[in-house]
Protein backbone atom coordinates (compact mmCIF):
# COMPACT_ATOMS: atom_id res chain seq x y z
CA UNK A 1 137.12 219.12 71.31
CA UNK A 2 135.37 219.72 74.62
CA UNK A 3 131.93 220.75 73.38
CA UNK A 4 130.59 221.49 76.86
CA UNK A 5 130.84 225.21 76.22
CA UNK A 6 128.49 225.02 73.24
CA UNK A 7 124.70 224.91 73.50
CA UNK A 8 123.18 221.45 73.21
CA UNK A 9 119.71 221.75 74.70
CA UNK A 10 116.50 220.98 72.76
CA UNK A 11 115.58 224.65 73.13
CA UNK A 12 118.45 225.50 70.79
CA UNK A 13 118.21 223.23 67.76
CA UNK A 14 120.91 223.57 65.06
CA UNK A 15 120.91 226.74 63.03
CA UNK A 16 121.29 226.90 59.25
CA UNK A 17 123.91 229.60 58.73
CA UNK A 18 125.09 231.10 55.44
CA UNK A 19 128.65 232.41 55.83
CA UNK A 20 129.98 234.93 53.28
CA UNK A 21 133.76 235.32 53.03
CA UNK A 22 136.56 236.26 50.66
CA UNK A 23 138.24 232.84 50.60
CA UNK A 24 138.43 229.39 52.08
CA UNK A 25 140.15 229.58 55.48
CA UNK A 26 142.98 227.26 54.47
CA UNK A 27 145.95 226.93 54.70
CA UNK A 28 146.26 228.41 58.17
CA UNK A 29 148.89 230.97 57.20
CA UNK A 30 147.23 234.22 58.31
CA UNK A 31 145.47 235.43 61.42
CA UNK A 32 142.15 235.82 59.64
CA UNK A 33 142.22 232.29 58.26
CA UNK A 34 143.22 230.86 61.63
CA UNK A 35 140.33 232.63 63.34
CA UNK A 36 137.73 231.69 60.73
CA UNK A 37 138.86 228.07 60.59
CA UNK A 38 138.79 227.44 64.34
CA UNK A 39 135.45 229.14 64.94
CA UNK A 40 133.61 227.58 61.99
CA UNK A 41 134.95 224.05 62.46
CA UNK A 42 133.92 224.07 66.11
CA UNK A 43 130.46 225.45 65.39
CA UNK A 44 129.97 223.05 62.46
CA UNK A 45 129.70 220.29 65.07
CA UNK A 46 126.49 221.90 66.26
CA UNK A 47 125.10 223.80 63.29
CA UNK A 48 124.68 223.46 59.52
CA UNK A 49 127.07 225.87 57.84
CA UNK A 50 127.16 226.82 54.17
CA UNK A 51 130.24 228.84 53.18
CA UNK A 52 130.07 230.98 50.04
CA UNK A 53 133.52 232.23 49.11
CA UNK A 54 135.81 232.94 46.20
CA UNK A 55 137.68 229.76 45.35
CA UNK A 56 137.80 226.58 43.29
CA UNK A 57 135.60 223.59 44.00
CA UNK A 58 138.39 221.10 43.23
CA UNK A 59 141.01 222.67 45.48
CA UNK A 60 142.59 220.83 48.37
CA UNK A 61 141.17 223.47 50.68
CA UNK A 62 137.63 222.68 49.51
CA UNK A 63 138.12 219.01 50.36
CA UNK A 64 139.39 219.91 53.82
CA UNK A 65 136.40 222.18 54.42
CA UNK A 66 134.07 219.35 53.37
CA UNK A 67 135.73 217.06 55.90
CA UNK A 68 134.96 219.66 58.54
CA UNK A 69 131.23 219.29 57.71
CA UNK A 70 131.01 222.73 56.13
CA UNK A 71 129.29 222.92 52.76
CA UNK A 72 131.40 225.02 50.39
CA UNK A 73 129.75 226.98 47.57
CA UNK A 74 132.54 228.20 45.26
CA UNK A 75 132.50 231.50 43.44
CA UNK A 76 134.97 232.05 40.59
CA UNK A 77 138.25 233.39 41.99
CA UNK A 78 138.55 237.13 42.42
CA UNK A 79 140.85 238.92 39.98
CA UNK A 80 144.23 239.87 41.38
CA UNK A 81 144.83 243.18 39.64
CA UNK A 82 148.23 244.78 39.26
CA UNK A 83 149.79 247.52 37.17
CA UNK A 84 147.48 249.64 35.04
CA UNK A 85 144.40 247.60 35.95
CA UNK A 86 144.93 248.28 39.64
CA UNK A 87 145.50 252.00 39.11
CA UNK A 88 142.38 252.18 36.93
CA UNK A 89 140.27 250.66 39.71
CA UNK A 90 141.84 252.93 42.31
CA UNK A 91 140.94 255.93 40.18
CA UNK A 92 137.40 254.63 39.62
CA UNK A 93 136.98 254.16 43.38
CA UNK A 94 137.37 257.90 43.89
CA UNK A 95 133.93 258.36 42.34
CA UNK A 96 132.36 255.68 44.57
CA UNK A 97 130.79 256.29 47.94
CA UNK A 98 132.47 253.11 49.21
CA UNK A 99 136.21 252.76 49.90
CA UNK A 100 138.41 250.77 47.56
CA UNK A 101 138.89 248.01 50.14
CA UNK A 102 135.14 247.36 49.93
CA UNK A 103 134.48 247.85 46.22
CA UNK A 104 137.40 245.63 45.17
CA UNK A 105 135.63 242.64 46.74
CA UNK A 106 132.41 243.14 44.80
CA UNK A 107 131.66 240.87 41.87
CA UNK A 108 128.26 240.38 40.27
CA UNK A 109 128.78 236.62 40.26
CA UNK A 110 129.18 236.65 44.05
CA UNK A 111 125.95 238.63 44.39
CA UNK A 112 124.15 236.18 42.08
CA UNK A 113 125.41 233.27 44.19
CA UNK A 114 124.12 234.87 47.39
CA UNK A 115 120.75 235.62 45.79
CA UNK A 116 120.45 232.03 44.51
CA UNK A 117 121.27 230.51 47.89
CA UNK A 118 118.77 232.73 49.71
CA UNK A 119 116.05 231.92 47.18
CA UNK A 120 116.62 228.16 47.28
CA UNK A 121 117.31 227.50 50.97
CA UNK A 122 115.83 228.57 54.29
CA UNK A 123 118.66 230.00 56.36
CA UNK A 124 118.28 231.14 59.96
CA UNK A 125 121.17 233.60 59.76
CA UNK A 126 123.61 235.26 57.36
CA UNK A 127 127.10 235.60 58.84
CA UNK A 128 129.36 238.08 57.03
CA UNK A 129 132.87 236.93 57.90
CA UNK A 130 134.48 240.33 57.38
CA UNK A 131 132.88 243.77 57.19
CA UNK A 132 133.23 244.31 53.38
CA UNK A 133 131.04 241.26 52.73
CA UNK A 134 128.06 242.99 54.30
CA UNK A 135 127.68 244.78 50.95
CA UNK A 136 126.09 241.63 49.53
CA UNK A 137 123.14 241.75 51.97
CA UNK A 138 122.53 245.48 52.38
CA UNK A 139 119.25 245.32 50.44
CA UNK A 140 117.09 243.98 53.26
CA UNK A 141 113.47 242.91 52.94
CA UNK A 142 111.02 240.88 54.98
CA UNK A 143 112.29 237.62 53.47
CA UNK A 144 115.96 238.16 54.23
CA UNK A 145 117.28 236.22 57.25
CA UNK A 146 118.87 238.13 60.11
CA UNK A 147 122.41 239.37 59.41
CA UNK A 148 125.46 239.26 61.69
CA UNK A 149 128.66 241.09 60.74
CA UNK A 150 131.85 239.59 62.17
CA UNK A 151 134.45 242.35 62.23
CA UNK A 152 138.17 241.62 62.43
CA UNK A 153 139.02 245.29 62.94
CA UNK A 154 137.42 248.69 62.78
CA UNK A 155 138.62 249.13 59.21
CA UNK A 156 138.38 252.93 59.22
CA UNK A 157 140.90 253.05 62.09
CA UNK A 158 143.46 251.07 60.07
CA UNK A 159 143.14 253.40 57.10
CA UNK A 160 143.45 256.46 59.32
CA UNK A 161 146.60 255.07 60.91
CA UNK A 162 147.97 254.21 57.50
CA UNK A 163 147.42 257.82 56.46
CA UNK A 164 149.21 259.06 59.58
CA UNK A 165 152.35 257.05 58.76
CA UNK A 166 152.65 258.34 55.17
CA UNK A 167 155.25 261.04 54.64
CA UNK A 168 154.16 261.90 51.08
CA UNK A 169 151.18 264.21 50.60
CA UNK A 170 149.26 262.27 47.93
CA UNK A 171 149.26 258.89 49.75
CA UNK A 172 148.31 260.64 52.98
CA UNK A 173 145.38 262.41 51.32
CA UNK A 174 144.28 259.19 49.59
CA UNK A 175 144.21 257.12 52.79
CA UNK A 176 142.55 259.94 54.74
CA UNK A 177 139.78 259.99 52.13
CA UNK A 178 139.51 256.20 52.23
CA UNK A 179 139.25 256.26 56.03
CA UNK A 180 136.30 258.67 55.84
CA UNK A 181 134.54 256.50 53.25
CA UNK A 182 135.16 253.37 55.27
CA UNK A 183 133.70 254.97 58.38
CA UNK A 184 130.60 255.91 56.39
CA UNK A 185 130.33 252.32 55.10
CA UNK A 186 130.82 250.79 58.56
CA UNK A 187 128.24 253.09 60.11
CA UNK A 188 125.76 252.14 57.40
CA UNK A 189 126.18 248.36 57.59
CA UNK A 190 126.49 248.22 61.39
CA UNK A 191 123.19 250.06 61.80
CA UNK A 192 121.43 247.81 59.29
CA UNK A 193 122.68 244.49 60.70
CA UNK A 194 120.93 242.55 63.44
CA UNK A 195 124.19 241.99 65.32
CA UNK A 196 127.91 242.76 65.14
CA UNK A 197 130.79 240.87 66.71
CA UNK A 198 134.16 242.47 67.41
CA UNK A 199 137.50 241.13 68.61
CA UNK A 200 137.93 243.61 71.47
CA UNK A 201 135.95 245.79 73.86
CA UNK A 202 137.16 249.09 72.31
CA UNK A 203 135.97 247.86 68.90
CA UNK A 204 132.63 246.81 70.42
CA UNK A 205 132.15 250.28 71.90
CA UNK A 206 132.94 251.84 68.54
CA UNK A 207 130.45 249.57 66.74
CA UNK A 208 127.72 250.54 69.20
CA UNK A 209 128.56 254.23 68.81
CA UNK A 210 128.32 253.82 65.05
CA UNK A 211 124.81 252.38 65.20
CA UNK A 212 125.02 248.65 65.90
CA UNK A 213 121.82 247.38 67.54
CA UNK A 214 123.66 244.61 69.34
CA UNK A 215 127.42 244.03 69.61
CA UNK A 216 129.35 241.27 71.37
CA UNK A 217 133.06 240.60 71.78
CA UNK A 218 134.27 237.34 70.24
CA UNK A 219 137.98 237.71 70.81
CA UNK A 220 140.77 236.20 68.80
CA UNK A 221 141.99 232.95 70.26
CA UNK A 222 144.69 230.35 70.27
CA UNK A 223 144.90 226.57 69.99
CA UNK A 224 146.05 225.92 73.54
CA UNK A 225 146.21 222.17 72.89
CA UNK A 226 148.28 222.43 69.71
CA UNK A 227 150.69 225.12 70.96
CA UNK A 228 152.59 224.22 74.11
CA UNK A 229 155.56 225.77 75.90
CA UNK A 230 158.91 224.18 75.13
CA UNK A 231 161.50 223.04 77.63
CA UNK A 232 164.05 225.64 76.52
CA UNK A 233 163.99 229.44 76.61
CA UNK A 234 165.07 229.62 72.96
CA UNK A 235 168.30 230.10 71.07
CA UNK A 236 170.45 232.93 72.45
CA UNK A 237 169.97 236.14 70.51
CA UNK A 238 167.21 234.87 68.22
CA UNK A 239 164.43 237.42 67.61
CA UNK A 240 161.31 236.29 65.73
CA UNK A 241 158.89 238.34 63.67
CA UNK A 242 155.88 236.26 62.67
CA UNK A 243 153.09 237.47 60.39
CA UNK A 244 151.65 237.60 56.88
CA UNK A 245 154.20 239.46 54.77
CA UNK A 246 151.70 240.54 52.13
CA UNK A 247 149.85 242.80 54.61
CA UNK A 248 150.96 246.43 54.59
CA UNK A 249 150.96 246.75 58.39
CA UNK A 250 153.38 243.85 58.78
CA UNK A 251 155.59 245.13 55.96
CA UNK A 252 155.78 248.52 57.66
CA UNK A 253 156.58 246.83 60.99
CA UNK A 254 159.45 244.78 59.55
CA UNK A 255 160.94 247.77 57.75
CA UNK A 256 160.68 249.92 60.90
CA UNK A 257 162.30 247.24 63.04
CA UNK A 258 165.15 246.46 60.65
CA UNK A 259 166.03 250.07 59.93
CA UNK A 260 165.50 251.72 63.30
CA UNK A 261 165.52 249.08 66.06
CA UNK A 262 167.77 246.19 65.07
CA UNK A 263 170.94 248.31 64.72
CA UNK A 264 170.44 249.60 68.28
CA UNK A 265 170.10 246.05 69.59
CA UNK A 266 173.14 244.73 67.74
CA UNK A 267 175.28 247.62 68.92
CA UNK A 268 175.20 246.07 72.41
CA UNK A 269 174.19 242.50 71.50
CA UNK A 270 176.21 241.66 68.34
CA UNK A 271 174.88 238.08 68.26
CA UNK A 272 171.24 239.23 68.05
CA UNK A 273 169.58 238.04 64.84
CA UNK A 274 166.11 238.62 63.44
CA UNK A 275 164.18 235.79 61.73
CA UNK A 276 161.26 236.98 59.59
CA UNK A 277 158.66 234.24 59.07
CA UNK A 278 155.49 234.68 57.02
CA UNK A 279 153.73 234.10 53.74
CA UNK A 280 154.10 235.94 50.43
CA UNK A 281 156.97 238.37 51.01
CA UNK A 282 157.16 240.87 48.16
CA UNK A 283 160.19 241.82 46.11
CA UNK A 284 160.86 245.09 47.94
CA UNK A 285 160.84 243.37 51.32
CA UNK A 286 163.09 240.59 50.03
CA UNK A 287 165.57 243.16 48.70
CA UNK A 288 165.63 245.12 51.95
CA UNK A 289 166.17 242.04 54.11
CA UNK A 290 168.84 240.67 51.77
CA UNK A 291 170.91 243.76 52.46
CA UNK A 292 170.18 243.97 56.19
CA UNK A 293 172.89 242.87 58.60
CA UNK A 294 171.58 240.57 61.30
CA UNK A 295 168.28 239.71 59.60
CA UNK A 296 167.12 236.65 57.64
CA UNK A 297 163.97 236.24 55.57
CA UNK A 298 162.65 232.75 56.23
CA UNK A 299 159.37 233.34 54.38
CA UNK A 300 156.52 230.84 54.40
CA UNK A 301 156.77 227.71 56.53
CA UNK A 302 154.45 224.73 56.93
CA UNK A 303 154.43 224.95 60.73
CA UNK A 304 155.31 228.05 62.75
CA UNK A 305 155.62 226.20 66.06
CA UNK A 306 159.28 225.16 65.64
CA UNK A 307 160.17 228.78 64.93
CA UNK A 308 158.34 229.89 68.04
CA UNK A 309 160.23 227.33 70.11
CA UNK A 310 163.58 228.52 68.73
CA UNK A 311 162.93 232.20 69.47
CA UNK A 312 164.40 233.88 72.52
CA UNK A 313 161.94 236.77 72.07
CA UNK A 314 159.03 237.57 69.73
CA UNK A 315 158.86 241.11 68.35
CA UNK A 316 155.57 242.77 67.33
CA UNK A 317 156.66 246.30 66.28
CA UNK A 318 153.38 247.30 64.63
CA UNK A 319 152.70 250.97 63.95
CA UNK A 320 149.48 250.35 61.99
CA UNK A 321 146.71 247.99 63.00
CA UNK A 322 143.31 247.29 64.47
CA UNK A 323 141.58 244.44 66.22
CA UNK A 324 143.93 242.10 68.07
CA UNK A 325 146.96 240.02 67.09
CA UNK A 326 146.69 236.23 67.04
CA UNK A 327 150.48 236.01 66.74
CA UNK A 328 150.81 237.55 70.21
CA UNK A 329 148.45 234.96 71.66
CA UNK A 330 150.31 232.12 69.91
CA UNK A 331 153.64 233.35 71.27
CA UNK A 332 152.18 233.64 74.77
CA UNK A 333 150.75 230.11 74.49
CA UNK A 334 154.21 228.87 73.52
CA UNK A 335 155.62 230.45 76.67
CA UNK A 336 157.55 233.09 74.77
CA UNK A 337 158.16 236.65 75.87
CA UNK A 338 156.62 239.19 73.50
CA UNK A 339 157.89 242.72 73.03
CA UNK A 340 155.11 244.69 71.36
CA UNK A 341 154.18 248.25 70.58
CA UNK A 342 151.07 249.70 72.19
CA UNK A 343 149.22 249.37 68.88
CA UNK A 344 150.37 245.76 68.54
CA UNK A 345 148.99 244.78 71.93
CA UNK A 346 145.85 246.93 71.93
CA UNK A 347 142.55 245.22 72.58
CA UNK A 348 144.11 242.28 74.43
CA UNK A 349 143.37 241.77 78.13
CA UNK A 350 147.05 241.66 79.05
CA UNK A 351 149.15 243.51 81.61
CA UNK A 352 152.47 245.01 80.45
CA UNK A 353 155.31 243.67 82.55
CA UNK A 354 153.25 240.66 83.64
CA UNK A 355 152.20 238.99 80.37
CA UNK A 356 154.46 240.79 77.85
CA UNK A 357 156.60 243.90 77.46
CA UNK A 358 155.31 247.03 75.70
CA UNK A 359 157.51 249.72 74.13
CA UNK A 360 157.02 252.17 71.28
CA UNK A 361 160.15 254.14 70.41
CA UNK A 362 163.13 252.47 68.73
CA UNK A 363 165.21 253.06 71.85
CA UNK A 364 162.60 251.61 74.21
CA UNK A 365 161.93 248.59 71.99
CA UNK A 366 165.66 247.95 71.76
CA UNK A 367 166.08 248.11 75.53
CA UNK A 368 163.11 245.79 76.14
CA UNK A 369 164.44 243.18 73.72
CA UNK A 370 167.93 243.40 75.23
CA UNK A 371 166.36 242.87 78.65
CA UNK A 372 164.72 239.65 77.40
CA UNK A 373 167.88 238.41 75.68
CA UNK A 374 169.79 238.92 78.94
CA UNK A 375 166.94 237.38 80.98
CA UNK A 376 166.79 240.40 83.28
CA UNK A 377 163.78 240.08 85.60
CA UNK A 378 161.59 238.38 82.99
CA UNK A 379 161.59 234.75 84.15
CA UNK A 380 158.00 234.86 85.44
CA UNK A 381 156.50 236.25 82.25
CA UNK A 382 156.29 233.00 80.18
CA UNK A 383 154.21 231.09 82.75
CA UNK A 384 151.98 234.11 83.39
CA UNK A 385 151.46 234.59 79.65
CA UNK A 386 150.50 230.94 79.18
CA UNK A 387 148.01 231.10 82.07
CA UNK A 388 146.45 234.23 80.55
CA UNK A 389 145.69 232.63 77.19
CA UNK A 390 144.36 229.44 78.81
CA UNK A 391 141.95 231.47 80.93
CA UNK A 392 140.78 234.03 78.38
CA UNK A 393 141.66 233.10 74.82
CA UNK A 394 140.97 229.45 74.00
CA UNK A 395 139.09 228.87 70.75
CA UNK A 396 136.52 226.81 72.69
CA UNK A 397 135.56 229.85 74.71
CA UNK A 398 135.40 232.12 71.65
CA UNK A 399 133.30 229.58 69.70
CA UNK A 400 130.82 229.51 72.57
CA UNK A 401 130.61 233.30 72.48
CA UNK A 402 130.03 233.32 68.74
CA UNK A 403 127.31 230.71 69.12
CA UNK A 404 125.54 232.93 71.64
CA UNK A 405 125.78 235.83 69.19
CA UNK A 406 124.28 233.61 66.46
CA UNK A 407 121.43 232.53 68.71
CA UNK A 408 120.64 236.10 69.77
CA UNK A 409 120.82 237.51 66.25
CA UNK A 410 118.58 234.74 64.88
CA UNK A 411 115.98 235.27 67.58
CA UNK A 412 116.63 231.98 69.37
């Protein structure tokens, strides 16, 4: 790594940072894990990082984290509730002031671990690596170190968009209620924290409006050394969807694309074929894709780069979302042409028609993808996309920005 972007002067000695997160950021099979891994491993070269997260001390991931010079403090794994247990907790959450997506992460044993670490060690900063984990440090006193909240999205926006896409009344009312509670929670923790980081400028402006004292953009990034453009434009007709298949926004995107967009494409391009790559696909998604003509569920893979190289076009048909999409940056780094919805591409400093194509209706998405498959006036996009990520979205640059946020929040 080129560490020249990171502070190394005597005026900025290493910080002791306690990071609170839901899990170890390994394997690198989701955007959140990819972001957390790259930022923490780069900053661990300069600072002393203790990561408290749900997980097992003897896991392979824990050993990898230790090799990255990050001290891992395990907390017993979080329960994965299904069936009646899940519905019971959903019902109980209706009486809580916090949304379910916050309360489901709370465990007394995690709070005891945080309290023990703060009592036994002198930290310069507490870094909450996702907004819900700010709940473990909301009781501030004179002895508590400064707190930085690293947001991956404005969570209330995602819930509001999820409500807007529901056709049934009860789910729509539930998610509308959850969006209001999440906004109340985000306003409360943003205003109590010493600093907030966001992945985009619109999110930063929202955080400041909602009471953040200091907010800085630390964008999502891409491994520009590990992901390189290939020599070929991809296999004719191959469309790639890449993303975690256990996240509701991605599930909705795949279903929307297969049902409403893919048939329009194949009507004029019969050889077009969708490859769906991602971790943990559920039974309903498997069943839908098994019966879909022109679509294949690949599922989880060890390395997504070969699938990127094979693709003629990368589709990001998101209708729900927040923050920014690492999968778009990875595709751009690989020199691939992305066709995204407006929501999919929001927050990224990209120019439609120059770095990617943007379309929202099934008809417009279909036409954009057909244009790429036929290579109609798109030959300059791959090189322009690659140059964009090199200039604006390397992990080295984002790690330097996060370090500056750490130094400011800690008073350095």
